[in-house]
């Protein structure tokens, strides 16, 4: 099964709040994170806020294989 991930520019469009997504922060020690968006900020999955402007792209999580 092949799934394509479509990255959205975080400066042009934002995800729905409190939806788990992939975050891309190219200047971070790990550029790809699992997180969410809430109240105009991005957060990693443990609730830590990403620095303002550090997330440049985001994507919906892939669906995964059919069980």
N, C-alpha and C. Protein backbone atom coordinates (compact mmCIF):
# COMPACT_ATOMS: atom_id res chain seq x y z
N UNK A 1 0.84 -1.18 0.00
CA UNK A 1 0.00 0.00 0.00
C UNK A 1 0.89 1.24 0.00
N UNK A 2 0.60 2.16 -0.88
CA UNK A 2 1.36 3.41 -0.96
C UNK A 2 0.42 4.57 -0.66
N UNK A 3 0.86 5.44 0.25
CA UNK A 3 0.11 6.66 0.56
C UNK A 3 1.02 7.85 0.31
N UNK A 4 0.48 8.86 -0.31
CA UNK A 4 1.22 10.10 -0.49
C UNK A 4 0.89 11.05 0.64
N UNK A 5 1.90 11.74 1.12
CA UNK A 5 1.70 12.77 2.13
C UNK A 5 1.79 14.11 1.43
N UNK A 6 0.76 14.91 1.61
CA UNK A 6 0.72 16.24 1.00
C UNK A 6 1.01 17.28 2.08
N UNK A 7 2.08 18.02 1.91
CA UNK A 7 2.48 19.03 2.89
C UNK A 7 1.83 20.36 2.55
N UNK A 8 1.29 21.04 3.56
CA UNK A 8 0.66 22.35 3.40
C UNK A 8 1.58 23.41 4.01
N UNK A 9 1.70 24.53 3.33
CA UNK A 9 2.50 25.64 3.82
C UNK A 9 1.82 26.24 5.05
N UNK A 10 2.50 26.24 6.18
CA UNK A 10 1.92 26.71 7.44
C UNK A 10 1.68 28.22 7.45
N UNK A 11 2.28 28.93 6.50
CA UNK A 11 2.08 30.38 6.42
C UNK A 11 0.87 30.71 5.53
N UNK A 12 0.36 29.70 4.82
CA UNK A 12 -0.78 29.92 3.92
C UNK A 12 -2.07 29.31 4.42
N UNK A 13 -1.99 28.16 5.09
CA UNK A 13 -3.18 27.47 5.57
C UNK A 13 -2.86 26.74 6.87
N UNK A 14 -3.84 26.63 7.73
CA UNK A 14 -3.65 25.97 9.03
C UNK A 14 -4.58 24.77 9.15
N UNK A 15 -4.17 23.77 9.92
CA UNK A 15 -5.03 22.61 10.13
C UNK A 15 -6.14 22.94 11.12
N UNK A 16 -7.12 22.07 11.21
CA UNK A 16 -8.14 22.21 12.24
C UNK A 16 -7.47 22.07 13.60
N UNK A 17 -7.92 22.85 14.57
CA UNK A 17 -7.37 22.76 15.92
C UNK A 17 -7.58 21.37 16.51
N UNK A 18 -6.61 20.95 17.28
CA UNK A 18 -6.65 19.69 18.04
C UNK A 18 -6.74 18.43 17.18
N UNK A 19 -6.29 18.52 15.94
CA UNK A 19 -6.20 17.36 15.06
C UNK A 19 -4.73 16.93 15.01
N UNK A 20 -4.44 15.67 15.23
CA UNK A 20 -3.06 15.19 15.19
C UNK A 20 -2.54 15.25 13.76
N UNK A 21 -1.37 15.86 13.61
CA UNK A 21 -0.76 16.09 12.30
C UNK A 21 0.74 15.86 12.36
N UNK A 22 1.38 15.87 11.20
CA UNK A 22 2.83 15.91 11.12
C UNK A 22 3.27 17.36 11.02
N UNK A 23 4.32 17.72 11.72
CA UNK A 23 4.88 19.06 11.68
C UNK A 23 6.26 19.00 11.04
N UNK A 24 6.59 19.98 10.22
CA UNK A 24 7.93 20.08 9.65
C UNK A 24 8.55 21.38 10.11
N UNK A 25 9.62 21.27 10.91
CA UNK A 25 10.36 22.41 11.43
C UNK A 25 11.82 22.23 11.03
N UNK A 26 12.23 22.77 9.88
CA UNK A 26 13.55 22.45 9.31
C UNK A 26 14.74 22.84 10.18
N UNK A 27 14.60 23.81 11.05
CA UNK A 27 15.72 24.25 11.88
C UNK A 27 15.83 23.45 13.19
N UNK A 28 14.89 22.56 13.44
CA UNK A 28 14.88 21.76 14.67
C UNK A 28 15.88 20.62 14.57
N UNK A 29 16.30 20.07 15.72
CA UNK A 29 17.22 18.93 15.71
C UNK A 29 16.59 17.71 15.06
N UNK A 30 15.28 17.57 15.15
CA UNK A 30 14.50 16.56 14.44
C UNK A 30 13.48 17.33 13.62
N UNK A 31 13.59 17.34 12.30
CA UNK A 31 12.72 18.22 11.52
C UNK A 31 11.25 17.80 11.43
N UNK A 32 10.94 16.53 11.64
CA UNK A 32 9.55 16.08 11.52
C UNK A 32 9.06 15.60 12.88
N UNK A 33 7.90 16.11 13.29
CA UNK A 33 7.31 15.82 14.59
C UNK A 33 5.85 15.43 14.42
N UNK A 34 5.31 14.68 15.36
CA UNK A 34 3.87 14.48 15.45
C UNK A 34 3.37 15.52 16.43
N UNK A 35 2.32 16.23 16.07
CA UNK A 35 1.83 17.28 16.93
C UNK A 35 0.43 17.72 16.56
N UNK A 36 0.12 18.96 16.91
CA UNK A 36 -1.20 19.52 16.64
C UNK A 36 -1.12 21.04 16.66
N UNK A 37 -2.19 21.66 16.24
CA UNK A 37 -2.30 23.12 16.21
C UNK A 37 -3.44 23.53 17.12
N UNK A 38 -3.22 24.60 17.91
CA UNK A 38 -4.26 25.09 18.80
C UNK A 38 -3.98 26.56 19.12
N UNK A 39 -5.00 27.39 19.06
CA UNK A 39 -4.88 28.80 19.44
C UNK A 39 -3.70 29.50 18.76
N UNK A 40 -3.58 29.34 17.45
CA UNK A 40 -2.53 29.99 16.65
C UNK A 40 -1.11 29.53 16.94
N UNK A 41 -0.95 28.37 17.57
CA UNK A 41 0.38 27.82 17.83
C UNK A 41 0.41 26.34 17.48
N UNK A 42 1.62 25.85 17.16
CA UNK A 42 1.83 24.43 16.94
C UNK A 42 2.47 23.83 18.18
N UNK A 43 2.10 22.59 18.50
CA UNK A 43 2.61 21.88 19.66
C UNK A 43 3.03 20.48 19.24
N UNK A 44 4.08 19.94 19.86
CA UNK A 44 4.41 18.54 19.65
C UNK A 44 3.47 17.71 20.51
N UNK A 45 3.46 16.42 20.28
CA UNK A 45 2.45 15.56 20.91
C UNK A 45 2.48 15.54 22.44
N UNK A 46 3.59 15.94 23.07
CA UNK A 46 3.62 15.98 24.54
C UNK A 46 3.13 17.31 25.11
N UNK A 47 2.69 18.22 24.23
CA UNK A 47 2.16 19.51 24.68
C UNK A 47 3.16 20.65 24.67
N UNK A 48 4.41 20.38 24.30
CA UNK A 48 5.43 21.42 24.23
C UNK A 48 5.18 22.30 23.01
N UNK A 49 5.15 23.61 23.23
CA UNK A 49 4.93 24.55 22.12
C UNK A 49 6.18 24.64 21.24
N UNK A 50 5.95 24.67 19.95
CA UNK A 50 7.04 24.91 19.01
C UNK A 50 7.31 26.41 18.97
N UNK A 51 8.57 26.83 18.80
CA UNK A 51 8.84 28.26 18.72
C UNK A 51 8.05 28.90 17.57
N UNK A 52 7.55 30.12 17.77
CA UNK A 52 6.80 30.79 16.70
C UNK A 52 7.59 30.83 15.39
N UNK A 53 6.93 30.47 14.30
CA UNK A 53 7.54 30.49 12.97
C UNK A 53 8.42 29.29 12.65
N UNK A 54 8.64 28.39 13.60
CA UNK A 54 9.54 27.26 13.34
C UNK A 54 8.89 26.18 12.47
N UNK A 55 7.58 26.04 12.56
CA UNK A 55 6.88 25.05 11.72
C UNK A 55 6.57 25.72 10.39
N UNK A 56 7.17 25.20 9.32
CA UNK A 56 6.97 25.79 8.00
C UNK A 56 5.95 25.03 7.17
N UNK A 57 5.78 23.73 7.46
CA UNK A 57 4.81 22.90 6.75
C UNK A 57 4.16 21.94 7.73
N UNK A 58 2.98 21.48 7.39
CA UNK A 58 2.27 20.47 8.17
C UNK A 58 1.55 19.55 7.20
N UNK A 59 1.22 18.34 7.67
CA UNK A 59 0.51 17.37 6.83
C UNK A 59 -0.40 16.52 7.71
N UNK A 60 -1.49 16.08 7.14
CA UNK A 60 -2.35 15.11 7.82
C UNK A 60 -1.61 13.80 7.95
N UNK A 61 -1.89 13.07 9.01
CA UNK A 61 -1.27 11.75 9.19
C UNK A 61 -1.77 10.80 8.12
N UNK A 62 -0.93 9.87 7.69
CA UNK A 62 -1.41 8.84 6.75
C UNK A 62 -2.42 7.94 7.46
N UNK A 63 -3.26 7.31 6.68
CA UNK A 63 -4.28 6.43 7.24
C UNK A 63 -3.71 5.13 7.77
N UNK A 64 -2.64 4.66 7.20
CA UNK A 64 -2.05 3.39 7.62
C UNK A 64 -2.69 2.22 6.88
N UNK A 65 -2.17 1.03 7.10
CA UNK A 65 -2.69 -0.14 6.38
C UNK A 65 -4.07 -0.55 6.90
N UNK A 66 -4.81 -1.19 6.04
CA UNK A 66 -6.09 -1.77 6.45
C UNK A 66 -5.80 -2.96 7.36
N UNK A 67 -6.48 -3.05 8.46
CA UNK A 67 -6.23 -4.16 9.39
C UNK A 67 -7.06 -5.36 9.02
